[in-house]
Amino acid sequence: MAALTRQRRFVTPGPDETVEELARRAVPDAPLEAAVDQIKSWNLHVFAMRRPPGLLLGSDVVFVEPPITNA
């Protein structure tokens, strides 16, 4: 039987939640600005392509940790 692999942590945004609010909720131990920057860099599918930039939808999958490497 195959073992399950570890998956990246993610959250989905709440109604009208901003990236700052999401960062406070999902990464509470990190400084806010650093958490927001990290979330933006791990979720280019939301923050680079969406108009207006940073608009979060309830259907978004927002990663709150970096990609997992198979080292």
PDB file of N, CA and C in Angstrom:
ATOM      1  N   MET A   1       0.846  -1.176   0.000  1.00  0.00           N
ATOM      2  CA  MET A   1       0.000   0.000   0.000  1.00  0.00           C
ATOM      3  C   MET A   1       0.894   1.243   0.000  1.00  0.00           C
ATOM      4  N   ALA A   2       0.565   2.210  -0.820  1.00  0.00           N
ATOM      5  CA  ALA A   2       1.351   3.442  -0.929  1.00  0.00           C
ATOM      6  C   ALA A   2       1.074   4.356   0.258  1.00  0.00           C
ATOM      7  N   ALA A   3       2.123   4.994   0.711  1.00  0.00           N
ATOM      8  CA  ALA A   3       1.980   5.953   1.811  1.00  0.00           C
ATOM      9  C   ALA A   3       1.456   7.284   1.262  1.00  0.00           C
ATOM     10  N   LEU A   4       0.692   7.977   2.057  1.00  0.00           N
ATOM     11  CA  LEU A   4       0.223   9.304   1.666  1.00  0.00           C
ATOM     12  C   LEU A   4       1.391  10.275   1.718  1.00  0.00           C
ATOM     13  N   THR A   5       1.398  11.214   0.797  1.00  0.00           N
ATOM     14  CA  THR A   5       2.443  12.229   0.796  1.00  0.00           C
ATOM     15  C   THR A   5       1.955  13.464   1.531  1.00  0.00           C
ATOM     16  N   ARG A   6       2.882  14.197   2.094  1.00  0.00           N
ATOM     17  CA  ARG A   6       2.544  15.446   2.785  1.00  0.00           C
ATOM     18  C   ARG A   6       2.105  16.468   1.755  1.00  0.00           C
ATOM     19  N   GLN A   7       1.066  17.213   2.052  1.00  0.00           N
ATOM     20  CA  GLN A   7       0.540  18.242   1.165  1.00  0.00           C
ATOM     21  C   GLN A   7       0.806  19.628   1.746  1.00  0.00           C
ATOM     22  N   ARG A   8       0.896  20.607   0.877  1.00  0.00           N
ATOM     23  CA  ARG A   8       1.069  21.994   1.324  1.00  0.00           C
ATOM     24  C   ARG A   8      -0.180  22.457   2.060  1.00  0.00           C
ATOM     25  N   ARG A   9       0.043  23.243   3.123  1.00  0.00           N
ATOM     26  CA  ARG A   9      -1.097  23.830   3.826  1.00  0.00           C
ATOM     27  C   ARG A   9      -1.721  24.900   2.943  1.00  0.00           C
ATOM     28  N   PHE A  10      -3.033  24.966   2.976  1.00  0.00           N
ATOM     29  CA  PHE A  10      -3.749  25.992   2.215  1.00  0.00           C
ATOM     30  C   PHE A  10      -5.014  26.373   2.969  1.00  0.00           C
ATOM     31  N   VAL A  11      -5.563  27.512   2.612  1.00  0.00           N
ATOM     32  CA  VAL A  11      -6.838  27.972   3.152  1.00  0.00           C
ATOM     33  C   VAL A  11      -7.674  28.487   1.987  1.00  0.00           C
ATOM     34  N   THR A  12      -8.949  28.678   2.252  1.00  0.00           N
ATOM     35  CA  THR A  12      -9.810  29.375   1.307  1.00  0.00           C
ATOM     36  C   THR A  12     -10.256  30.669   1.972  1.00  0.00           C
ATOM     37  N   PRO A  13     -10.343  31.739   1.215  1.00  0.00           N
ATOM     38  CA  PRO A  13     -10.726  33.036   1.786  1.00  0.00           C
ATOM     39  C   PRO A  13     -12.165  33.056   2.276  1.00  0.00           C
ATOM     40  N   GLY A  14     -12.392  33.823   3.324  1.00  0.00           N
ATOM     41  CA  GLY A  14     -13.734  34.079   3.797  1.00  0.00           C
ATOM     42  C   GLY A  14     -14.379  35.168   2.949  1.00  0.00           C
ATOM     43  N   PRO A  15     -15.677  35.399   3.130  1.00  0.00           N
ATOM     44  CA  PRO A  15     -16.371  36.443   2.372  1.00  0.00           C
ATOM     45  C   PRO A  15     -15.698  37.803   2.556  1.00  0.00           C
ATOM     46  N   ASP A  16     -15.355  38.440   1.454  1.00  0.00           N
ATOM     47  CA  ASP A  16     -14.751  39.785   1.444  1.00  0.00           C
ATOM     48  C   ASP A  16     -13.441  39.870   2.223  1.00  0.00           C
ATOM     49  N   GLU A  17     -12.766  38.747   2.455  1.00  0.00           N
ATOM     50  CA  GLU A  17     -11.505  38.753   3.201  1.00  0.00           C
ATOM     51  C   GLU A  17     -10.385  39.314   2.329  1.00  0.00           C
ATOM     52  N   THR A  18      -9.564  40.172   2.894  1.00  0.00           N
ATOM     53  CA  THR A  18      -8.404  40.716   2.188  1.00  0.00           C
ATOM     54  C   THR A  18      -7.207  39.804   2.425  1.00  0.00           C
ATOM     55  N   VAL A  19      -6.163  40.020   1.650  1.00  0.00           N
ATOM     56  CA  VAL A  19      -4.958  39.208   1.847  1.00  0.00           C
ATOM     57  C   VAL A  19      -4.351  39.464   3.224  1.00  0.00           C
ATOM     58  N   GLU A  20      -4.465  40.677   3.730  1.00  0.00           N
ATOM     59  CA  GLU A  20      -3.946  40.986   5.068  1.00  0.00           C
ATOM     60  C   GLU A  20      -4.727  40.215   6.141  1.00  0.00           C
ATOM     61  N   GLU A  21      -6.030  40.183   6.016  1.00  0.00           N
ATOM     62  CA  GLU A  21      -6.853  39.436   6.977  1.00  0.00           C
ATOM     63  C   GLU A  21      -6.563  37.945   6.895  1.00  0.00           C
ATOM     64  N   LEU A  22      -6.424  37.458   5.675  1.00  0.00           N
ATOM     65  CA  LEU A  22      -6.108  36.050   5.495  1.00  0.00           C
ATOM     66  C   LEU A  22      -4.743  35.725   6.111  1.00  0.00           C
ATOM     67  N   ALA A  23      -3.760  36.592   5.915  1.00  0.00           N
ATOM     68  CA  ALA A  23      -2.421  36.375   6.480  1.00  0.00           C
ATOM     69  C   ALA A  23      -2.466  36.354   8.008  1.00  0.00           C
ATOM     70  N   ARG A  24      -3.215  37.257   8.600  1.00  0.00           N
ATOM     71  CA  ARG A  24      -3.341  37.271  10.070  1.00  0.00           C
ATOM     72  C   ARG A  24      -3.946  35.967  10.580  1.00  0.00           C
ATOM     73  N   ARG A  25      -4.918  35.462   9.852  1.00  0.00           N
ATOM     74  CA  ARG A  25      -5.608  34.233  10.262  1.00  0.00           C
ATOM     75  C   ARG A  25      -4.759  32.989  10.014  1.00  0.00           C
ATOM     76  N   ALA A  26      -4.121  32.912   8.854  1.00  0.00           N
ATOM     77  CA  ALA A  26      -3.436  31.693   8.443  1.00  0.00           C
ATOM     78  C   ALA A  26      -1.992  31.593   8.914  1.00  0.00           C
ATOM     79  N   VAL A  27      -1.346  32.754   9.146  1.00  0.00           N
ATOM     80  CA  VAL A  27       0.065  32.769   9.552  1.00  0.00           C
ATOM     81  C   VAL A  27       0.208  33.744  10.728  1.00  0.00           C
ATOM     82  N   PRO A  28      -0.450  33.455  11.844  1.00  0.00           N
ATOM     83  CA  PRO A  28      -0.517  34.431  12.941  1.00  0.00           C
ATOM     84  C   PRO A  28       0.817  34.706  13.643  1.00  0.00           C
ATOM     85  N   ASP A  29       1.771  33.794  13.533  1.00  0.00           N
ATOM     86  CA  ASP A  29       3.042  33.974  14.239  1.00  0.00           C
ATOM     87  C   ASP A  29       4.065  34.780  13.450  1.00  0.00           C
ATOM     88  N   ALA A  30       3.763  35.100  12.201  1.00  0.00           N
ATOM     89  CA  ALA A  30       4.704  35.862  11.363  1.00  0.00           C
ATOM     90  C   ALA A  30       4.322  37.334  11.360  1.00  0.00           C
ATOM     91  N   PRO A  31       5.312  38.215  11.187  1.00  0.00           N
ATOM     92  CA  PRO A  31       4.980  39.638  11.006  1.00  0.00           C
ATOM     93  C   PRO A  31       4.057  39.798   9.792  1.00  0.00           C
ATOM     94  N   LEU A  32       3.075  40.660   9.899  1.00  0.00           N
ATOM     95  CA  LEU A  32       2.042  40.784   8.873  1.00  0.00           C
ATOM     96  C   LEU A  32       2.620  41.032   7.484  1.00  0.00           C
ATOM     97  N   GLU A  33       3.508  41.998   7.349  1.00  0.00           N
ATOM     98  CA  GLU A  33       4.051  42.334   6.026  1.00  0.00           C
ATOM     99  C   GLU A  33       4.786  41.140   5.418  1.00  0.00           C
ATOM    100  N   ALA A  34       5.562  40.427   6.228  1.00  0.00           N
ATOM    101  CA  ALA A  34       6.285  39.254   5.735  1.00  0.00           C
ATOM    102  C   ALA A  34       5.314  38.154   5.326  1.00  0.00           C
ATOM    103  N   ALA A  35       4.274  37.932   6.115  1.00  0.00           N
ATOM    104  CA  ALA A  35       3.286  36.898   5.795  1.00  0.00           C
ATOM    105  C   ALA A  35       2.564  37.229   4.490  1.00  0.00           C
ATOM    106  N   VAL A  36       2.182  38.481   4.307  1.00  0.00           N
ATOM    107  CA  VAL A  36       1.504  38.901   3.072  1.00  0.00           C
ATOM    108  C   VAL A  36       2.431  38.696   1.877  1.00  0.00           C
ATOM    109  N   ASP A  37       3.694  39.103   2.000  1.00  0.00           N
ATOM    110  CA  ASP A  37       4.653  38.941   0.897  1.00  0.00           C
ATOM    111  C   ASP A  37       4.837  37.469   0.549  1.00  0.00           C
ATOM    112  N   GLN A  38       4.933  36.616   1.557  1.00  0.00           N
ATOM    113  CA  GLN A  38       5.099  35.187   1.305  1.00  0.00           C
ATOM    114  C   GLN A  38       3.865  34.611   0.620  1.00  0.00           C
ATOM    115  N   ILE A  39       2.706  34.933   1.121  1.00  0.00           N
ATOM    116  CA  ILE A  39       1.468  34.426   0.518  1.00  0.00           C
ATOM    117  C   ILE A  39       1.367  34.874  -0.938  1.00  0.00           C
ATOM    118  N   LYS A  40       1.708  36.117  -1.214  1.00  0.00           N
ATOM    119  CA  LYS A  40       1.676  36.600  -2.595  1.00  0.00           C
ATOM    120  C   LYS A  40       2.655  35.826  -3.473  1.00  0.00           C
ATOM    121  N   SER A  41       3.847  35.551  -2.968  1.00  0.00           N
ATOM    122  CA  SER A  41       4.845  34.855  -3.784  1.00  0.00           C
ATOM    123  C   SER A  41       4.491  33.388  -4.010  1.00  0.00           C
ATOM    124  N   TRP A  42       3.746  32.776  -3.107  1.00  0.00           N
ATOM    125  CA  TRP A  42       3.356  31.371  -3.245  1.00  0.00           C
ATOM    126  C   TRP A  42       2.065  31.205  -4.022  1.00  0.00           C
ATOM    127  N   ASN A  43       1.410  32.302  -4.384  1.00  0.00           N
ATOM    128  CA  ASN A  43       0.091  32.251  -5.028  1.00  0.00           C
ATOM    129  C   ASN A  43       0.014  33.205  -6.214  1.00  0.00           C
ATOM    130  N   LEU A  44       0.985  33.112  -7.103  1.00  0.00           N
ATOM    131  CA  LEU A  44       1.002  34.019  -8.250  1.00  0.00           C
ATOM    132  C   LEU A  44      -0.256  33.879  -9.099  1.00  0.00           C
ATOM    133  N   HIS A  45      -0.898  32.714  -9.060  1.00  0.00           N
ATOM    134  CA  HIS A  45      -2.126  32.508  -9.814  1.00  0.00           C
ATOM    135  C   HIS A  45      -3.241  33.451  -9.359  1.00  0.00           C
ATOM    136  N   VAL A  46      -3.146  33.976  -8.154  1.00  0.00           N
ATOM    137  CA  VAL A  46      -4.138  34.921  -7.640  1.00  0.00           C
ATOM    138  C   VAL A  46      -3.638  36.355  -7.787  1.00  0.00           C
ATOM    139  N   PHE A  47      -2.386  36.594  -7.455  1.00  0.00           N
ATOM    140  CA  PHE A  47      -1.909  37.960  -7.310  1.00  0.00           C
ATOM    141  C   PHE A  47      -1.273  38.555  -8.554  1.00  0.00           C
ATOM    142  N   ALA A  48      -0.905  37.760  -9.540  1.00  0.00           N
ATOM    143  CA  ALA A  48      -0.312  38.317 -10.757  1.00  0.00           C
ATOM    144  C   ALA A  48      -1.322  38.428 -11.896  1.00  0.00           C
ATOM    145  N   MET A  49      -2.272  37.520 -11.932  1.00  0.00           N
ATOM    146  CA  MET A  49      -3.169  37.446 -13.080  1.00  0.00           C
ATOM    147  C   MET A  49      -4.545  38.070 -12.843  1.00  0.00           C
ATOM    148  N   ARG A  50      -4.953  38.200 -11.617  1.00  0.00           N
ATOM    149  CA  ARG A  50      -6.317  38.626 -11.299  1.00  0.00           C
ATOM    150  C   ARG A  50      -6.451  40.141 -11.392  1.00  0.00           C
ATOM    151  N   ARG A  51      -7.615  40.586 -11.828  1.00  0.00           N
ATOM    152  CA  ARG A  51      -7.921  42.020 -11.869  1.00  0.00           C
ATOM    153  C   ARG A  51      -9.190  42.263 -11.090  1.00  0.00           C
ATOM    154  N   PRO A  52      -9.195  43.133 -10.100  1.00  0.00           N
ATOM    155  CA  PRO A  52      -8.033  43.854  -9.597  1.00  0.00           C
ATOM    156  C   PRO A  52      -7.066  42.917  -8.881  1.00  0.00           C
ATOM    157  N   PRO A  53      -5.762  43.247  -8.897  1.00  0.00           N
ATOM    158  CA  PRO A  53      -4.764  42.393  -8.249  1.00  0.00           C
ATOM    159  C   PRO A  53      -5.120  42.148  -6.782  1.00  0.00           C
ATOM    160  N   GLY A  54      -4.992  40.899  -6.377  1.00  0.00           N
ATOM    161  CA  GLY A  54      -5.232  40.559  -4.977  1.00  0.00           C
ATOM    162  C   GLY A  54      -6.669  40.286  -4.612  1.00  0.00           C
ATOM    163  N   LEU A  55      -7.581  40.378  -5.574  1.00  0.00           N
ATOM    164  CA  LEU A  55      -8.981  40.062  -5.295  1.00  0.00           C
ATOM    165  C   LEU A  55      -9.082  38.584  -4.953  1.00  0.00           C
ATOM    166  N   LEU A  56      -9.567  38.284  -3.761  1.00  0.00           N
ATOM    167  CA  LEU A  56      -9.704  36.898  -3.328  1.00  0.00           C
ATOM    168  C   LEU A  56     -11.142  36.437  -3.511  1.00  0.00           C
ATOM    169  N   LEU A  57     -11.292  35.237  -4.054  1.00  0.00           N
ATOM    170  CA  LEU A  57     -12.609  34.646  -4.244  1.00  0.00           C
ATOM    171  C   LEU A  57     -12.741  33.458  -3.300  1.00  0.00           C
ATOM    172  N   GLY A  58     -13.934  33.169  -2.865  1.00  0.00           N
ATOM    173  CA  GLY A  58     -14.162  32.064  -1.959  1.00  0.00           C
ATOM    174  C   GLY A  58     -13.745  30.717  -2.528  1.00  0.00           C
ATOM    175  N   SER A  59     -13.633  30.623  -3.842  1.00  0.00           N
ATOM    176  CA  SER A  59     -13.225  29.375  -4.485  1.00  0.00           C
ATOM    177  C   SER A  59     -11.705  29.250  -4.637  1.00  0.00           C
ATOM    178  N   ASP A  60     -10.967  30.292  -4.260  1.00  0.00           N
ATOM    179  CA  ASP A  60      -9.504  30.253  -4.388  1.00  0.00           C
ATOM    180  C   ASP A  60      -8.885  29.274  -3.398  1.00  0.00           C
ATOM    181  N   VAL A  61      -7.843  28.607  -3.840  1.00  0.00           N
ATOM    182  CA  VAL A  61      -6.977  27.822  -2.967  1.00  0.00           C
ATOM    183  C   VAL A  61      -5.755  28.696  -2.748  1.00  0.00           C
ATOM    184  N   VAL A  62      -5.527  29.117  -1.504  1.00  0.00           N
ATOM    185  CA  VAL A  62      -4.414  30.016  -1.186  1.00  0.00           C
ATOM    186  C   VAL A  62      -3.419  29.248  -0.325  1.00  0.00           C
ATOM    187  N   PHE A  63      -2.231  28.998  -0.889  1.00  0.00           N
ATOM    188  CA  PHE A  63      -1.199  28.280  -0.161  1.00  0.00           C
ATOM    189  C   PHE A  63      -0.598  29.171   0.908  1.00  0.00           C
ATOM    190  N   VAL A  64      -0.381  28.613   2.097  1.00  0.00           N
ATOM    191  CA  VAL A  64       0.153  29.389   3.226  1.00  0.00           C
ATOM    192  C   VAL A  64       1.481  28.815   3.712  1.00  0.00           C
ATOM    193  N   GLU A  65       2.130  28.077   2.830  1.00  0.00           N
ATOM    194  CA  GLU A  65       3.495  27.604   3.074  1.00  0.00           C
ATOM    195  C   GLU A  65       4.151  27.375   1.712  1.00  0.00           C
ATOM    196  N   PRO A  66       5.475  27.355   1.689  1.00  0.00           N
ATOM    197  CA  PRO A  66       6.173  27.207   0.402  1.00  0.00           C
ATOM    198  C   PRO A  66       5.957  25.821  -0.199  1.00  0.00           C
ATOM    199  N   PRO A  67       6.307  25.675  -1.475  1.00  0.00           N
ATOM    200  CA  PRO A  67       6.220  24.356  -2.104  1.00  0.00           C
ATOM    201  C   PRO A  67       7.060  23.339  -1.340  1.00  0.00           C
ATOM    202  N   ILE A  68       6.584  22.121  -1.339  1.00  0.00           N
ATOM    203  CA  ILE A  68       7.301  21.036  -0.674  1.00  0.00           C
ATOM    204  C   ILE A  68       8.267  20.429  -1.675  1.00  0.00           C
ATOM    205  N   THR A  69       9.505  20.297  -1.272  1.00  0.00           N
ATOM    206  CA  THR A  69      10.493  19.696  -2.152  1.00  0.00           C
ATOM    207  C   THR A  69      10.695  18.241  -1.750  1.00  0.00           C
ATOM    208  N   ASN A  70      10.944  17.421  -2.694  1.00  0.00           N
ATOM    209  CA  ASN A  70      11.216  16.004  -2.432  1.00  0.00           C
ATOM    210  C   ASN A  70      12.710  15.796  -2.341  1.00  0.00           C
ATOM    211  N   ALA A  71      13.270  16.227  -1.227  1.00  0.00           N
ATOM    212  CA  ALA A  71      14.721  16.117  -1.062  1.00  0.00           C
ATOM    213  C   ALA A  71      15.093  14.831  -0.369  1.00  0.00           C
TER     214      ALA A  71
END
